[in-house]
Amino acid sequence: MENTILVIDDDSSLLELIQYNLEKNGYNTIIASNGHTGLKVFFDGRPDLVILDIAMPKMDGFQVCERIRELSDTPIIMLTALGREEDIIKGFDLGADDYLTKPFRVGELMARVKATLRRAASKPTETSDVSYTDNYLTVDLNAHRVLVQDTPVKLTPTEYKLLALLITNKGHLLEFRQILEQVWGFEYVDDLDYLRVYIWHLRKKIEPDSKNPIYFLNELNLGYRFEPQN
């Protein structure tokens, strides 16, 4: 069955270009030229993926992303002409799954679309050791539940996938490229910035002190390790 992709951008020329190339690659495409219309189309059509521009008038991409994330885990790729690290981090913090900085090559966008849809469709790896608990943190991978001091913690799908990989291999160093390939896909093995941002998010949401982590450790600048505290 064809995947349906919603593209929200106020640049009509870019909107048409993206729509043409998505449909050329076999995707069913719906478009919206502003955030308000985009949200209505999203909740009416329930697409499999959203491509969302940040810089739009009245309701920008950050606001649209936040509204979508309140009710849905549909993957979101954000388009930004800003290129500033704080804007990229803000997008990830609101629940975006990926981003591209304008101008971008159409082939790069198509590769990101394919990889993002593949991640969304992938099943979690089965494991016999699917939980972790100590006096501060509880993670139940079967129930998709994370508690910090008995308070539920909301994670994005990508944050959860990264946490599950680290906890499944707790106490063992996973190299950067290994993590990137297993969580994001082979297209991302050199995109270390993705991994750093998501580790930063996990530390912010889970660590007692995100500036002095005890769970998510960087080992000799080779990779990351989840360190059990029980």
Protein backbone atom coordinates (compact mmCIF):
# COMPACT_ATOMS: atom_id res chain seq x y z
CA MET A 1 0.00 0.00 0.00
CA GLU A 2 1.25 3.49 -0.85
CA ASN A 3 2.46 5.68 1.99
CA THR A 4 0.70 9.03 2.26
CA ILE A 5 2.89 12.07 2.90
CA LEU A 6 1.68 15.51 3.95
CA VAL A 7 3.86 18.46 2.92
CA ILE A 8 3.29 21.81 4.69
CA ASP A 9 5.18 24.80 3.27
CA ASP A 10 4.22 28.36 2.35
CA ASP A 11 6.68 28.38 -0.59
CA SER A 12 4.44 27.31 -3.49
CA SER A 13 7.34 26.56 -5.85
CA LEU A 14 9.06 24.28 -3.33
CA LEU A 15 5.72 22.69 -2.43
CA GLU A 16 5.13 21.75 -6.07
CA LEU A 17 8.69 20.48 -6.49
CA ILE A 18 8.44 18.22 -3.42
CA GLN A 19 5.00 16.97 -4.43
CA TYR A 20 6.19 16.14 -7.95
CA ASN A 21 9.19 14.16 -6.72
CA LEU A 22 7.29 12.32 -4.00
CA GLU A 23 4.63 11.20 -6.46
CA LYS A 24 7.33 10.30 -8.98
CA ASN A 25 8.76 7.98 -6.30
CA GLY A 26 5.40 6.33 -5.69
CA TYR A 27 4.11 8.22 -2.66
CA ASN A 28 0.59 9.54 -2.30
CA THR A 29 1.02 13.23 -1.51
CA ILE A 30 -1.21 15.87 0.04
CA ILE A 31 -0.14 19.49 0.44
CA ALA A 32 -0.95 22.55 2.56
CA SER A 33 0.40 26.08 2.23
CA ASN A 34 0.12 27.15 5.89
CA GLY A 35 0.12 25.71 9.38
CA HIS A 36 -3.61 25.99 10.10
CA THR A 37 -4.60 24.22 6.89
CA GLY A 38 -1.83 21.69 7.44
CA LEU A 39 -3.20 20.71 10.84
CA LYS A 40 -6.73 20.30 9.47
CA VAL A 41 -5.47 18.16 6.59
CA PHE A 42 -3.33 16.13 9.00
CA PHE A 43 -6.20 15.24 11.33
CA ASP A 44 -8.56 14.58 8.41
CA GLY A 45 -6.14 12.49 6.35
CA ARG A 46 -3.87 10.81 8.93
CA PRO A 47 -0.74 10.67 6.72
CA ASP A 48 2.19 8.32 7.35
CA LEU A 49 4.76 11.14 7.33
CA VAL A 50 4.79 14.94 7.54
CA ILE A 51 7.33 17.18 5.80
CA LEU A 52 7.06 20.51 7.62
CA ASP A 53 8.64 23.91 6.97
CA ILE A 54 9.60 25.87 10.08
CA ALA A 55 9.43 29.47 8.83
CA MET A 56 5.74 30.05 8.05
CA PRO A 57 3.62 33.11 8.97
CA LYS A 58 1.00 33.10 11.75
CA MET A 59 1.49 29.45 12.80
CA ASP A 60 5.09 28.33 12.30
CA GLY A 61 6.42 24.81 11.98
CA PHE A 62 7.34 24.56 15.64
CA GLN A 63 3.72 25.22 16.65
CA VAL A 64 2.42 22.72 14.09
CA CYS A 65 4.90 20.07 15.26
CA GLU A 66 3.86 20.60 18.88
CA ARG A 67 0.15 20.24 18.05
CA ILE A 68 0.74 17.05 16.05
CA ARG A 69 2.84 15.55 18.84
CA GLU A 70 0.07 16.12 21.38
CA LEU A 71 -2.01 13.40 19.70
CA SER A 72 0.17 11.48 17.26
CA ASP A 73 3.56 9.78 16.82
CA THR A 74 3.49 10.27 13.03
CA PRO A 75 7.09 10.94 11.94
CA ILE A 76 7.97 14.54 11.05
CA ILE A 77 10.81 15.84 8.87
CA MET A 78 11.37 19.56 9.41
CA LEU A 79 12.70 21.89 6.70
CA THR A 80 14.68 24.88 7.89
CA ALA A 81 16.44 27.78 6.22
CA LEU A 82 17.71 28.81 9.63
CA GLY A 83 20.43 26.21 10.10
CA ARG A 84 21.04 27.34 13.69
CA GLU A 85 21.78 24.59 16.19
CA GLU A 86 19.28 25.99 18.72
CA ASP A 87 16.47 25.80 16.13
CA ILE A 88 17.37 22.24 15.20
CA ILE A 89 17.46 21.27 18.89
CA LYS A 90 14.09 22.98 19.45
CA GLY A 91 12.60 20.96 16.58
CA PHE A 92 13.92 17.70 18.02
CA ASP A 93 12.75 18.70 21.49
CA LEU A 94 9.21 19.20 20.15
CA GLY A 95 9.29 15.73 18.63
CA ALA A 96 10.60 16.09 15.08
CA ASP A 97 12.31 12.95 13.75
CA ASP A 98 14.64 14.53 11.21
CA TYR A 99 15.50 17.83 9.58
CA LEU A 100 16.93 19.19 6.35
CA THR A 101 18.50 22.61 5.87
CA LYS A 102 17.43 24.55 2.78
CA PRO A 103 18.59 24.49 0.08
CA PHE A 104 18.75 20.70 -0.16
CA ARG A 105 19.08 18.17 -2.95
CA VAL A 106 15.86 16.37 -3.91
CA GLY A 107 17.70 13.05 -3.75
CA GLU A 108 18.69 13.75 -0.16
CA LEU A 109 15.07 14.47 0.79
CA MET A 110 13.89 11.25 -0.87
CA ALA A 111 16.54 9.27 1.02
CA ARG A 112 15.43 10.83 4.32
CA VAL A 113 11.78 10.09 3.54
CA LYS A 114 12.56 6.45 2.82
CA ALA A 115 14.70 6.05 5.94
CA THR A 116 12.17 7.78 8.22
CA LEU A 117 9.29 5.63 6.97
CA ARG A 118 11.42 2.50 7.40
CA ARG A 119 12.22 3.44 11.01
CA ALA A 120 8.56 4.12 11.75
CA ALA A 121 7.58 0.71 10.40
CA SER A 122 10.34 -1.25 12.12
CA LYS A 123 9.48 -3.51 15.05
CA PRO A 124 11.44 -3.27 18.33
CA THR A 125 14.10 -5.94 18.70
CA GLU A 126 12.95 -8.80 20.89
CA THR A 127 15.10 -9.42 23.94
CA SER A 128 14.89 -11.60 27.04
CA ASP A 129 16.06 -8.71 29.26
CA VAL A 130 13.47 -6.04 28.64
CA SER A 131 13.38 -3.99 31.82
CA TYR A 132 15.54 -1.92 34.09
CA THR A 133 14.83 -0.60 37.56
CA ASP A 134 16.65 1.09 40.42
CA ASN A 135 15.58 3.46 43.20
CA TYR A 136 15.34 6.35 40.73
CA LEU A 137 14.60 5.00 37.24
CA THR A 138 12.25 2.32 35.93
CA VAL A 139 12.10 1.28 32.27
CA ASP A 140 9.76 -1.42 30.98
CA LEU A 141 10.51 -1.99 27.31
CA ASN A 142 7.55 -4.34 26.82
CA ALA A 143 5.07 -1.78 28.15
CA HIS A 144 6.90 1.21 26.58
CA ARG A 145 6.94 2.82 30.02
CA VAL A 146 9.61 5.05 31.56
CA LEU A 147 9.32 6.34 35.14
CA VAL A 148 11.65 8.77 36.92
CA GLN A 149 10.98 8.72 40.65
CA ASP A 150 7.61 7.09 39.85
CA THR A 151 6.67 9.94 37.47
CA PRO A 152 5.99 8.98 33.82
CA VAL A 153 8.42 10.43 31.27
CA LYS A 154 7.18 11.12 27.74
CA LEU A 155 9.68 10.17 25.04
CA THR A 156 9.46 10.58 21.28
CA PRO A 157 9.57 7.35 19.25
CA THR A 158 13.21 7.95 18.31
CA GLU A 159 14.21 8.76 21.89
CA TYR A 160 12.53 5.57 23.02
CA LYS A 161 14.25 3.50 20.34
CA LEU A 162 17.64 4.90 21.38
CA LEU A 163 16.93 4.26 25.07
CA ALA A 164 15.80 0.69 24.33
CA LEU A 165 18.99 -0.04 22.40
CA LEU A 166 21.22 1.30 25.18
CA ILE A 167 19.35 -0.50 27.96
CA THR A 168 19.25 -3.77 26.03
CA ASN A 169 23.06 -3.49 25.91
CA LYS A 170 23.46 -1.96 29.38
CA GLY A 171 26.98 -1.95 30.72
CA HIS A 172 28.45 -2.34 27.22
CA LEU A 173 29.97 0.33 24.99
CA LEU A 174 28.16 0.85 21.68
CA GLU A 175 30.16 2.73 19.07
CA PHE A 176 28.66 5.87 17.52
CA ARG A 177 28.26 4.39 14.05
CA GLN A 178 26.69 1.23 15.47
CA ILE A 179 24.07 3.26 17.34
CA LEU A 180 23.35 5.52 14.37
CA GLU A 181 22.84 2.57 12.02
CA GLN A 182 20.55 0.67 14.41
CA VAL A 183 18.41 3.65 15.43
CA TRP A 184 18.40 5.86 12.31
CA GLY A 185 19.59 3.58 9.50
CA PHE A 186 22.75 3.13 7.45
CA GLU A 187 22.21 6.48 5.69
CA TYR A 188 22.95 8.26 8.99
CA VAL A 189 26.14 6.54 10.19
CA ASP A 190 28.19 9.74 9.80
CA ASP A 191 25.58 12.10 11.31
CA LEU A 192 27.00 12.23 14.83
CA ASP A 193 25.12 15.46 15.59
CA TYR A 194 21.82 13.51 15.57
CA LEU A 195 23.13 11.17 18.23
CA ARG A 196 24.56 13.94 20.42
CA VAL A 197 21.27 15.86 20.37
CA TYR A 198 19.21 12.79 21.28
CA ILE A 199 21.58 11.76 24.06
CA TRP A 200 21.29 15.33 25.36
CA HIS A 201 17.49 14.95 25.34
CA LEU A 202 17.62 11.64 27.21
CA ARG A 203 19.95 13.11 29.80
CA LYS A 204 17.68 16.14 30.21
CA LYS A 205 14.59 13.96 30.69
CA ILE A 206 16.08 11.13 32.75
CA GLU A 207 19.33 12.00 34.51
CA PRO A 208 19.21 13.40 38.08
CA ASP A 209 21.71 16.00 36.86
CA SER A 210 22.00 16.25 33.08
CA LYS A 211 25.34 18.06 33.33
CA ASN A 212 26.84 15.22 35.37
CA PRO A 213 25.34 12.08 33.81
CA ILE A 214 25.45 8.74 35.56
CA TYR A 215 23.36 6.67 33.11
CA PHE A 216 24.29 7.85 29.60
CA LEU A 217 28.08 7.90 29.46
CA ASN A 218 30.41 8.87 26.63
CA GLU A 219 33.24 6.34 26.61
CA LEU A 220 36.60 7.70 25.40
CA ASN A 221 34.75 9.63 22.67
CA LEU A 222 34.17 6.28 20.91
CA GLY A 223 30.54 5.66 21.78
CA TYR A 224 27.91 5.60 24.52
CA ARG A 225 27.15 3.19 27.33
CA PHE A 226 24.13 2.90 29.62
CA GLU A 227 25.54 2.40 33.12
CA PRO A 228 23.21 0.54 35.53
CA GLN A 229 22.91 2.08 39.02
CA ASN A 230 21.47 -0.96 40.81
